[in-house]
N, C-alpha and C. Protein backbone atom coordinates (compact mmCIF):
# COMPACT_ATOMS: atom_id res chain seq x y z
N MET A 1 149.92 4.94 -99.93
CA MET A 1 151.01 5.58 -99.07
C MET A 1 152.38 5.57 -99.87
N ARG A 2 153.49 6.39 -100.11
CA ARG A 2 154.69 6.26 -100.78
C ARG A 2 155.63 5.17 -100.41
N ASP A 3 156.47 4.75 -100.95
CA ASP A 3 157.69 4.04 -100.52
C ASP A 3 158.75 4.87 -100.33
N PRO A 4 159.23 5.30 -99.40
CA PRO A 4 160.44 6.22 -98.96
C PRO A 4 161.87 5.52 -99.84
N ARG A 5 161.86 4.23 -99.65
CA ARG A 5 163.37 3.58 -100.30
C ARG A 5 162.99 4.14 -101.68
N LEU A 6 162.01 3.78 -102.65
CA LEU A 6 161.78 3.91 -103.84
C LEU A 6 161.82 5.59 -104.32
N HIS A 7 161.24 6.15 -103.39
CA HIS A 7 161.40 7.88 -103.69
C HIS A 7 162.39 8.28 -103.61
N SER A 8 163.58 7.52 -102.74
CA SER A 8 164.89 8.59 -102.73
C SER A 8 165.69 7.70 -103.94
N GLN A 9 165.33 6.28 -104.30
CA GLN A 9 166.35 5.87 -105.32
C GLN A 9 165.77 6.38 -106.78
N LEU A 10 164.64 6.98 -106.96
CA LEU A 10 164.01 7.85 -108.20
C LEU A 10 164.74 9.19 -107.98
N LEU A 11 164.87 9.67 -107.17
CA LEU A 11 165.75 10.68 -106.74
C LEU A 11 167.52 10.69 -107.33
N ILE A 12 167.84 9.67 -106.79
CA ILE A 12 169.02 9.67 -107.25
C ILE A 12 169.28 9.32 -108.84
N GLU A 13 168.01 8.74 -109.21
CA GLU A 13 168.21 8.25 -110.83
C GLU A 13 168.05 9.63 -111.52
N THR A 14 167.21 10.30 -111.20
CA THR A 14 166.44 11.78 -111.61
C THR A 14 167.84 12.57 -111.25
N TYR A 15 168.63 12.55 -110.77
CA TYR A 15 169.66 13.37 -110.21
C TYR A 15 170.72 13.32 -111.48
N TYR A 16 170.93 12.02 -111.85
CA TYR A 16 172.08 11.56 -112.73
C TYR A 16 171.30 11.75 -114.38
N GLU A 17 169.94 11.80 -114.39
CA GLU A 17 169.34 11.72 -115.56
C GLU A 17 169.65 13.20 -116.04
N THR A 18 169.36 14.09 -114.91
CA THR A 18 169.50 15.38 -115.54
C THR A 18 170.84 15.64 -115.30
N PHE A 19 171.46 15.64 -114.96
CA PHE A 19 173.28 15.77 -115.06
C PHE A 19 173.38 15.42 -116.17
N ASN A 20 173.01 14.22 -116.80
CA ASN A 20 173.43 14.08 -118.28
C ASN A 20 172.74 14.81 -119.33
N GLY A 21 171.71 15.52 -119.29
CA GLY A 21 170.52 16.01 -120.04
C GLY A 21 171.30 17.53 -120.15
N GLY A 22 171.90 17.89 -119.36
CA GLY A 22 172.40 19.17 -119.17
C GLY A 22 171.87 20.28 -118.58
N ASP A 23 170.56 20.09 -118.06
CA ASP A 23 169.97 21.25 -117.40
C ASP A 23 170.21 21.26 -115.93
N ARG A 24 171.10 22.88 -115.94
CA ARG A 24 171.75 22.65 -114.85
C ARG A 24 170.63 23.38 -113.53
N GLU A 25 170.22 24.03 -114.10
CA GLU A 25 168.95 24.29 -112.94
C GLU A 25 167.89 23.26 -112.86
N ALA A 26 167.45 22.75 -113.65
CA ALA A 26 166.74 21.51 -112.86
C ALA A 26 167.20 20.43 -112.52
N PHE A 27 168.85 20.38 -112.82
CA PHE A 27 169.54 19.80 -111.73
C PHE A 27 169.58 20.17 -109.93
N LEU A 28 170.14 21.57 -110.00
CA LEU A 28 169.80 22.27 -108.84
C LEU A 28 168.81 22.45 -108.21
N ASP A 29 167.66 22.07 -108.86
CA ASP A 29 166.26 22.18 -107.96
C ASP A 29 166.12 20.87 -107.28
N LEU A 30 166.92 20.02 -107.53
CA LEU A 30 166.89 18.61 -106.72
C LEU A 30 167.89 18.62 -105.41
N LEU A 31 168.35 19.73 -105.47
CA LEU A 31 169.24 19.58 -103.78
C LEU A 31 168.73 20.51 -103.34
N ALA A 32 168.99 20.67 -101.81
CA ALA A 32 168.58 21.51 -100.53
C ALA A 32 169.56 22.61 -100.41
N GLU A 33 168.84 23.68 -100.23
CA GLU A 33 169.42 24.95 -100.14
C GLU A 33 171.14 25.05 -99.49
N ASP A 34 170.93 24.37 -98.69
CA ASP A 34 172.44 24.13 -97.44
C ASP A 34 173.02 22.86 -98.28
N VAL A 35 173.08 22.13 -99.38
CA VAL A 35 173.48 20.67 -99.73
C VAL A 35 174.53 21.28 -99.47
N ALA A 36 175.48 19.71 -98.62
CA ALA A 36 176.73 19.45 -98.87
C ALA A 36 177.46 18.72 -99.81
N HIS A 37 178.49 19.36 -100.38
CA HIS A 37 179.34 18.38 -101.22
C HIS A 37 180.49 18.04 -101.11
N ASP A 38 180.71 16.75 -100.86
CA ASP A 38 181.94 16.03 -100.55
C ASP A 38 182.59 15.64 -101.78
N ILE A 39 183.73 16.88 -102.21
CA ILE A 39 184.41 16.61 -103.56
C ILE A 39 185.33 15.52 -102.96
N ASN A 40 185.86 14.76 -104.53
CA ASN A 40 186.41 13.21 -104.42
C ASN A 40 188.10 14.08 -103.88
N GLN A 41 188.60 13.31 -103.41
CA GLN A 41 189.90 13.96 -102.85
C GLN A 41 190.16 15.37 -102.34
N GLY A 42 188.67 16.15 -101.77
CA GLY A 42 189.32 17.53 -101.29
C GLY A 42 188.51 17.91 -100.72
N GLY A 43 187.86 18.94 -100.45
CA GLY A 43 187.03 19.28 -99.49
C GLY A 43 185.45 19.31 -99.41
N CYS A 44 184.96 20.17 -98.40
CA CYS A 44 183.48 20.14 -98.55
C CYS A 44 183.05 21.53 -98.65
N GLU A 45 182.33 21.65 -99.98
CA GLU A 45 181.63 23.19 -100.03
C GLU A 45 179.98 23.05 -100.03
N VAL A 46 179.57 23.72 -99.08
CA VAL A 46 178.10 23.88 -98.50
C VAL A 46 177.11 24.93 -99.13
N GLY A 47 176.14 24.55 -99.84
CA GLY A 47 175.03 25.76 -100.28
C GLY A 47 175.20 25.63 -102.25
N LYS A 48 173.73 25.82 -102.28
CA LYS A 48 173.53 25.57 -103.78
C LYS A 48 174.65 26.43 -104.70
N ALA A 49 174.75 27.88 -104.34
CA ALA A 49 175.74 28.79 -104.63
C ALA A 49 177.03 28.07 -105.28
N ALA A 50 177.37 27.34 -103.88
CA ALA A 50 179.27 26.72 -104.23
C ALA A 50 178.88 25.66 -105.21
N PHE A 51 177.56 25.02 -105.35
CA PHE A 51 177.50 23.69 -106.26
C PHE A 51 177.72 24.45 -107.52
N ARG A 52 176.88 25.43 -107.71
CA ARG A 52 176.78 26.24 -108.98
C ARG A 52 177.87 26.29 -109.74
N ALA A 53 178.92 26.84 -108.52
CA ALA A 53 180.00 27.29 -109.11
C ALA A 53 180.85 26.24 -109.50
N PHE A 54 180.87 25.19 -108.71
CA PHE A 54 181.31 23.87 -109.18
C PHE A 54 181.22 23.22 -110.43
N LEU A 55 179.70 23.42 -110.80
CA LEU A 55 179.20 23.21 -112.18
C LEU A 55 179.72 23.71 -113.37
N GLN A 56 179.74 24.88 -113.01
CA GLN A 56 180.39 26.11 -114.17
C GLN A 56 181.57 25.42 -114.28
N ARG A 57 182.57 25.36 -113.44
CA ARG A 57 183.61 24.83 -113.56
C ARG A 57 183.89 23.36 -114.08
N MET A 58 183.27 22.53 -114.20
CA MET A 58 183.12 21.40 -114.63
C MET A 58 182.81 21.11 -116.22
N ASP A 59 181.61 21.97 -116.20
CA ASP A 59 181.36 22.14 -117.64
C ASP A 59 182.18 22.58 -118.78
N ARG A 60 183.05 24.02 -117.92
CA ARG A 60 184.16 24.39 -118.56
C ARG A 60 185.49 23.67 -119.00
N CYS A 61 185.66 22.64 -118.13
CA CYS A 61 186.53 21.96 -118.56
C CYS A 61 186.64 20.55 -118.72
N TYR A 62 185.42 19.93 -118.52
CA TYR A 62 185.06 18.56 -118.66
C TYR A 62 183.81 18.34 -119.24
N ARG A 63 183.52 17.28 -120.59
CA ARG A 63 182.39 16.63 -121.21
C ARG A 63 181.87 15.64 -120.50
N GLU A 64 180.59 15.47 -119.72
CA GLU A 64 180.88 13.73 -119.19
C GLU A 64 179.63 13.51 -119.19
N GLN A 65 179.50 12.31 -119.09
CA GLN A 65 178.28 11.47 -119.03
C GLN A 65 178.01 10.22 -118.26
N VAL A 66 177.32 9.79 -117.66
CA VAL A 66 176.85 8.81 -116.62
C VAL A 66 176.61 7.82 -117.40
N VAL A 67 177.15 6.48 -117.03
CA VAL A 67 176.66 5.16 -117.85
C VAL A 67 176.67 4.18 -116.73
N GLY A 68 175.52 3.30 -116.85
CA GLY A 68 175.70 1.81 -116.31
C GLY A 68 175.21 2.38 -115.07
N LEU A 69 174.60 3.33 -114.74
CA LEU A 69 174.06 3.45 -113.32
C LEU A 69 173.27 2.38 -112.49
N VAL A 70 173.76 2.14 -111.25
CA VAL A 70 172.94 1.43 -110.43
C VAL A 70 172.81 2.04 -109.31
N SER A 71 171.95 2.28 -108.73
CA SER A 71 171.37 3.03 -107.38
C SER A 71 170.95 2.40 -106.46
N PHE A 72 170.70 2.57 -105.30
CA PHE A 72 170.42 2.03 -103.70
C PHE A 72 169.92 2.67 -103.13
N ALA A 73 168.82 2.67 -102.15
CA ALA A 73 168.39 3.39 -101.55
C ALA A 73 167.94 2.99 -99.91
N SER A 74 168.42 3.41 -98.76
CA SER A 74 168.17 2.72 -97.25
C SER A 74 166.62 2.76 -97.27
N GLU A 75 166.09 1.89 -96.14
CA GLU A 75 164.53 1.46 -96.31
C GLU A 75 163.47 2.94 -95.81
N ASP A 76 163.81 3.68 -95.20
CA ASP A 76 163.56 5.16 -94.58
C ASP A 76 163.90 5.83 -95.88
N GLY A 77 164.77 5.68 -96.44
CA GLY A 77 164.57 6.77 -97.80
C GLY A 77 165.71 8.04 -97.52
N LYS A 78 166.31 7.85 -96.29
CA LYS A 78 167.36 9.10 -95.90
C LYS A 78 168.61 8.98 -96.29
N ARG A 79 169.16 8.07 -96.82
CA ARG A 79 170.43 7.37 -97.35
C ARG A 79 170.18 6.66 -98.53
N GLY A 80 171.47 6.94 -99.36
CA GLY A 80 171.35 6.46 -100.93
C GLY A 80 172.74 6.20 -101.43
N ALA A 81 172.97 5.61 -102.54
CA ALA A 81 174.22 5.46 -103.35
C ALA A 81 174.08 5.10 -104.56
N ALA A 82 175.06 5.10 -105.24
CA ALA A 82 175.07 4.85 -106.42
C ALA A 82 176.55 4.69 -107.04
N GLU A 83 176.57 3.47 -108.42
CA GLU A 83 177.79 2.86 -108.37
C GLU A 83 177.55 3.31 -110.34
N PHE A 84 178.76 4.06 -110.76
CA PHE A 84 178.30 4.15 -112.66
C PHE A 84 179.80 4.59 -113.01
N TYR A 85 179.40 4.41 -114.30
CA TYR A 85 180.89 5.06 -114.89
C TYR A 85 180.81 6.23 -115.25
N ILE A 86 182.02 7.16 -115.33
CA ILE A 86 181.85 8.66 -115.91
C ILE A 86 182.59 8.40 -116.95
N GLU A 87 182.29 9.14 -118.12
CA GLU A 87 183.01 8.81 -119.32
C GLU A 87 182.94 10.32 -120.19
N GLY A 88 184.24 10.71 -120.41
CA GLY A 88 184.22 11.95 -120.35
C GLY A 88 185.42 12.71 -120.90
N GLU A 89 185.68 13.90 -121.52
CA GLU A 89 186.61 14.35 -122.08
C GLU A 89 186.96 15.77 -121.48
N TYR A 90 188.37 15.91 -121.24
CA TYR A 90 189.14 16.68 -120.68
C TYR A 90 189.59 18.04 -121.83
N LEU A 91 188.19 18.77 -121.43
CA LEU A 91 188.49 20.27 -122.80
C LEU A 91 189.18 21.20 -122.28
N SER A 92 189.25 21.41 -121.11
CA SER A 92 190.40 22.71 -120.71
C SER A 92 190.97 22.43 -119.62
N THR A 93 192.01 23.24 -119.56
CA THR A 93 192.88 22.98 -118.33
C THR A 93 192.06 23.10 -117.01
N ASP A 94 191.75 22.07 -116.09
CA ASP A 94 191.38 22.89 -114.70
C ASP A 94 192.63 22.79 -113.59
N GLU A 95 192.43 23.73 -112.90
CA GLU A 95 193.77 24.68 -112.16
C GLU A 95 193.95 23.21 -111.33
N GLY A 96 195.65 23.37 -111.50
CA GLY A 96 196.03 22.15 -110.55
C GLY A 96 196.63 20.82 -110.82
N LEU A 97 195.98 20.56 -112.54
CA LEU A 97 195.89 19.69 -113.13
C LEU A 97 196.66 19.69 -114.42
N PRO A 98 196.99 18.30 -115.12
CA PRO A 98 197.70 18.33 -115.63
C PRO A 98 196.67 19.25 -117.06
N PRO A 99 197.52 19.76 -118.33
CA PRO A 99 197.05 20.06 -119.27
C PRO A 99 195.88 19.48 -120.08
N ALA A 100 194.91 20.31 -120.37
CA ALA A 100 193.94 19.33 -121.27
C ALA A 100 194.11 19.37 -122.72
N THR A 101 193.90 18.31 -123.25
CA THR A 101 194.18 18.11 -124.69
C THR A 101 193.21 17.34 -125.51
N GLY A 102 191.65 17.63 -124.70
CA GLY A 102 190.82 16.57 -125.37
C GLY A 102 190.64 15.08 -124.76
N GLN A 103 191.74 14.59 -124.21
CA GLN A 103 191.74 13.65 -123.75
C GLN A 103 190.66 13.14 -123.42
N ARG A 104 190.01 11.67 -123.59
CA ARG A 104 188.89 10.70 -123.09
C ARG A 104 189.24 10.03 -122.29
N TYR A 105 188.44 9.90 -121.01
CA TYR A 105 188.68 8.83 -120.34
C TYR A 105 187.25 8.27 -119.33
N ARG A 106 187.31 6.75 -118.90
CA ARG A 106 186.19 6.54 -118.15
C ARG A 106 186.77 5.72 -116.89
N LEU A 107 185.71 6.33 -116.02
CA LEU A 107 186.37 5.94 -114.45
C LEU A 107 184.94 5.17 -113.76
N ARG A 108 185.33 4.34 -112.78
CA ARG A 108 184.24 3.96 -111.96
C ARG A 108 184.06 5.03 -110.91
N VAL A 109 182.92 5.36 -110.36
CA VAL A 109 182.51 6.43 -109.52
C VAL A 109 181.69 5.93 -108.40
N GLY A 110 181.99 6.04 -107.49
CA GLY A 110 180.89 5.98 -105.96
C GLY A 110 180.40 6.79 -105.46
N ALA A 111 179.05 6.93 -105.34
CA ALA A 111 178.46 8.40 -104.70
C ALA A 111 177.33 8.01 -103.40
N PHE A 112 177.34 8.51 -102.48
CA PHE A 112 176.81 8.38 -101.26
C PHE A 112 175.76 9.83 -101.03
N PHE A 113 174.95 9.40 -101.10
CA PHE A 113 173.71 10.99 -100.38
C PHE A 113 173.04 10.65 -99.29
N GLU A 114 172.82 11.80 -99.05
CA GLU A 114 171.76 12.06 -97.62
C GLU A 114 170.78 12.34 -98.33
N ILE A 115 169.29 12.29 -97.88
CA ILE A 115 168.11 12.52 -99.07
C ILE A 115 167.18 13.20 -97.38
N GLU A 116 166.92 14.44 -97.80
CA GLU A 116 165.97 14.99 -96.68
C GLU A 116 164.96 16.02 -97.13
N ASN A 117 163.60 16.09 -97.10
CA ASN A 117 162.31 16.44 -97.51
C ASN A 117 162.53 16.42 -98.77
N GLY A 118 163.28 15.46 -99.54
CA GLY A 118 162.51 14.90 -100.98
C GLY A 118 163.69 15.08 -101.69
N LEU A 119 165.01 16.26 -101.00
CA LEU A 119 166.16 16.75 -102.07
C LEU A 119 167.27 15.99 -101.41
N VAL A 120 168.41 16.18 -102.30
CA VAL A 120 169.78 15.83 -101.92
C VAL A 120 170.16 16.87 -100.99
N LYS A 121 170.51 16.63 -99.76
CA LYS A 121 171.18 17.03 -98.81
C LYS A 121 172.66 17.01 -98.73
N ARG A 122 172.97 16.17 -98.98
CA ARG A 122 174.36 15.83 -99.20
C ARG A 122 174.74 14.82 -100.34
N ILE A 123 175.96 15.05 -100.96
CA ILE A 123 176.28 14.20 -102.03
C ILE A 123 177.78 14.03 -101.67
N THR A 124 178.36 12.67 -101.77
CA THR A 124 179.73 12.42 -101.54
C THR A 124 180.13 11.39 -102.86
N ASN A 125 181.24 12.05 -103.76
CA ASN A 125 181.83 10.97 -104.52
C ASN A 125 183.27 10.58 -104.65
N TYR A 126 183.46 9.54 -104.87
CA TYR A 126 184.76 8.91 -104.84
C TYR A 126 184.99 8.43 -106.37
N TYR A 127 186.01 8.48 -106.55
CA TYR A 127 186.94 7.91 -107.64
C TYR A 127 188.15 7.76 -107.68
N ASN A 128 188.81 6.96 -108.48
CA ASN A 128 190.35 6.99 -108.53
C ASN A 128 191.14 7.75 -109.27
N LEU A 129 191.83 9.20 -108.44
CA LEU A 129 192.33 9.71 -109.46
C LEU A 129 193.45 9.59 -109.92
N GLN A 130 193.93 8.59 -109.19
CA GLN A 130 195.18 8.20 -109.99
C GLN A 130 195.09 7.83 -111.45
N ASP A 131 193.71 6.77 -111.06
CA ASP A 131 193.22 6.27 -112.88
C ASP A 131 192.85 7.33 -113.62
N TRP A 132 192.52 8.19 -113.06
CA TRP A 132 192.16 9.63 -114.08
C TRP A 132 193.38 10.17 -114.59
N LEU A 133 194.55 10.58 -113.66
CA LEU A 133 195.63 10.70 -114.10
C LEU A 133 196.20 10.06 -115.48
N ARG A 134 196.42 8.75 -115.00
CA ARG A 134 196.79 7.76 -116.05
C ARG A 134 196.14 7.94 -117.34
N GLN A 135 195.16 7.75 -117.05
CA GLN A 135 194.02 7.84 -118.45
C GLN A 135 194.47 9.37 -119.13
N VAL A 136 194.48 10.53 -118.81
CA VAL A 136 195.16 11.90 -119.08
C VAL A 136 196.55 11.55 -119.68
N GLY A 137 197.22 10.78 -119.15
CA GLY A 137 198.45 11.03 -119.33
C GLY A 137 199.50 11.50 -118.80
N ALA A 138 198.99 11.95 -117.53
CA ALA A 138 200.20 12.65 -116.65
C ALA A 138 200.79 11.80 -115.43
N ALA A 139 200.27 9.93 -115.60
CA ALA A 139 200.90 9.35 -114.73
C ALA A 139 201.78 8.54 -115.29
């Protein structure tokens, strides 16, 4: 019998490995159809279509890699968490944010997951926006 905690922890690690690899369709395959995405200091978007649009904007404006990943999961495998650094480059100005000029940044990120039927049902990301603004020269 499989261990639900280890299965969920592997799902979280695969989520970030797939993100780093850039295969967006494989990445989206890890999500439930009605995935809830809580955006840092923003709203909640629901569904794969919304997540796909979010990824397209992110890929247009940023080049990012997850490094130093540590993941955790609850005993029942229904909840998980990750801590890591995002190393990135600000490529194209994102709406409502300072102008992009290729600035590099490194941020500590925390992420929280709900997992259902072996898929990510909810992802909530947190990072220090003021630190990011400082690093891109806006604060």
